[in-house]
Amino acid sequence: MITLRLCSSSCCPTVHVFQGMVVITDDDGGQVTLTKEQLKLLVDRYDDIEAMK
């Protein structure tokens, strides 16, 4: 399993990558689980999402 912190403080979101899944946990304990295909779609569409602002 790979674990990444998205900031340097003690209460920040974390990303856990294991078994082809990505689990993002916020500092309140809420979780979102993405498949690697969903994560790829999100990364691929990032520029389109930014253009909507």
C-alpha atoms as a PDB file:
ATOM      1  CA  MET A   1       0.000   0.000   0.000  1.00  0.00           C
ATOM      2  CA  ILE A   2       1.150   3.527  -0.806  1.00  0.00           C
ATOM      3  CA  THR A   3       0.020   6.375   1.451  1.00  0.00           C
ATOM      4  CA  LEU A   4       0.378  10.054   0.534  1.00  0.00           C
ATOM      5  CA  ARG A   5      -0.426  13.094   2.683  1.00  0.00           C
ATOM      6  CA  LEU A   6      -1.734  16.077   0.720  1.00  0.00           C
ATOM      7  CA  CYS A   7      -0.253  18.656   3.116  1.00  0.00           C
ATOM      8  CA  SER A   8       2.339  18.887   5.857  1.00  0.00           C
ATOM      9  CA  SER A   9       0.102  19.359   8.906  1.00  0.00           C
ATOM     10  CA  SER A  10      -1.293  16.565  11.056  1.00  0.00           C
ATOM     11  CA  CYS A  11      -4.920  17.015   9.933  1.00  0.00           C
ATOM     12  CA  CYS A  12      -4.886  16.823   6.161  1.00  0.00           C
ATOM     13  CA  PRO A  13      -6.338  14.554   3.481  1.00  0.00           C
ATOM     14  CA  THR A  14      -4.557  11.296   2.736  1.00  0.00           C
ATOM     15  CA  VAL A  15      -4.515   9.130  -0.356  1.00  0.00           C
ATOM     16  CA  HIS A  16      -4.127   5.359  -0.009  1.00  0.00           C
ATOM     17  CA  VAL A  17      -3.374   3.319  -3.133  1.00  0.00           C
ATOM     18  CA  PHE A  18      -3.772  -0.451  -2.982  1.00  0.00           C
ATOM     19  CA  GLN A  19      -5.187  -3.315  -5.048  1.00  0.00           C
ATOM     20  CA  GLY A  20      -6.020  -1.045  -7.993  1.00  0.00           C
ATOM     21  CA  MET A  21      -8.096   1.312  -5.828  1.00  0.00           C
ATOM     22  CA  VAL A  22      -7.460   4.857  -4.622  1.00  0.00           C
ATOM     23  CA  VAL A  23      -9.031   5.850  -1.291  1.00  0.00           C
ATOM     24  CA  ILE A  24      -9.029   9.556  -0.432  1.00  0.00           C
ATOM     25  CA  THR A  25      -9.741  10.270   3.238  1.00  0.00           C
ATOM     26  CA  ASP A  26     -10.440  13.823   4.418  1.00  0.00           C
ATOM     27  CA  ASP A  27      -9.426  15.173   7.806  1.00  0.00           C
ATOM     28  CA  ASP A  28     -12.934  14.453   9.182  1.00  0.00           C
ATOM     29  CA  GLY A  29     -12.678  10.768   8.240  1.00  0.00           C
ATOM     30  CA  GLY A  30     -14.919  10.916   5.153  1.00  0.00           C
ATOM     31  CA  GLN A  31     -13.780   8.696   2.304  1.00  0.00           C
ATOM     32  CA  VAL A  32     -14.061   8.518  -1.458  1.00  0.00           C
ATOM     33  CA  THR A  33     -12.967   5.358  -3.266  1.00  0.00           C
ATOM     34  CA  LEU A  34     -11.968   5.487  -6.931  1.00  0.00           C
ATOM     35  CA  THR A  35     -10.905   2.725  -9.280  1.00  0.00           C
ATOM     36  CA  LYS A  36      -7.713   3.328 -11.227  1.00  0.00           C
ATOM     37  CA  GLU A  37      -9.895   3.883 -14.301  1.00  0.00           C
ATOM     38  CA  GLN A  38     -11.902   6.595 -12.510  1.00  0.00           C
ATOM     39  CA  LEU A  39      -8.701   8.267 -11.324  1.00  0.00           C
ATOM     40  CA  LYS A  40      -7.301   8.216 -14.866  1.00  0.00           C
ATOM     41  CA  LEU A  41     -10.519   9.788 -16.173  1.00  0.00           C
ATOM     42  CA  LEU A  42     -10.286  12.531 -13.540  1.00  0.00           C
ATOM     43  CA  VAL A  43      -6.649  13.273 -14.397  1.00  0.00           C
ATOM     44  CA  ASP A  44      -7.347  13.183 -18.143  1.00  0.00           C
ATOM     45  CA  ARG A  45     -10.305  15.595 -17.774  1.00  0.00           C
ATOM     46  CA  TYR A  46      -8.605  18.004 -15.359  1.00  0.00           C
ATOM     47  CA  ASP A  47      -8.029  20.700 -18.000  1.00  0.00           C
ATOM     48  CA  ASP A  48     -11.697  20.477 -19.065  1.00  0.00           C
ATOM     49  CA  ILE A  49     -12.808  20.828 -15.437  1.00  0.00           C
ATOM     50  CA  GLU A  50     -10.558  23.865 -14.904  1.00  0.00           C
ATOM     51  CA  ALA A  51     -11.962  25.489 -18.065  1.00  0.00           C
ATOM     52  CA  MET A  52     -15.483  25.351 -16.558  1.00  0.00           C
ATOM     53  CA  LYS A  53     -14.571  27.827 -13.811  1.00  0.00           C
END
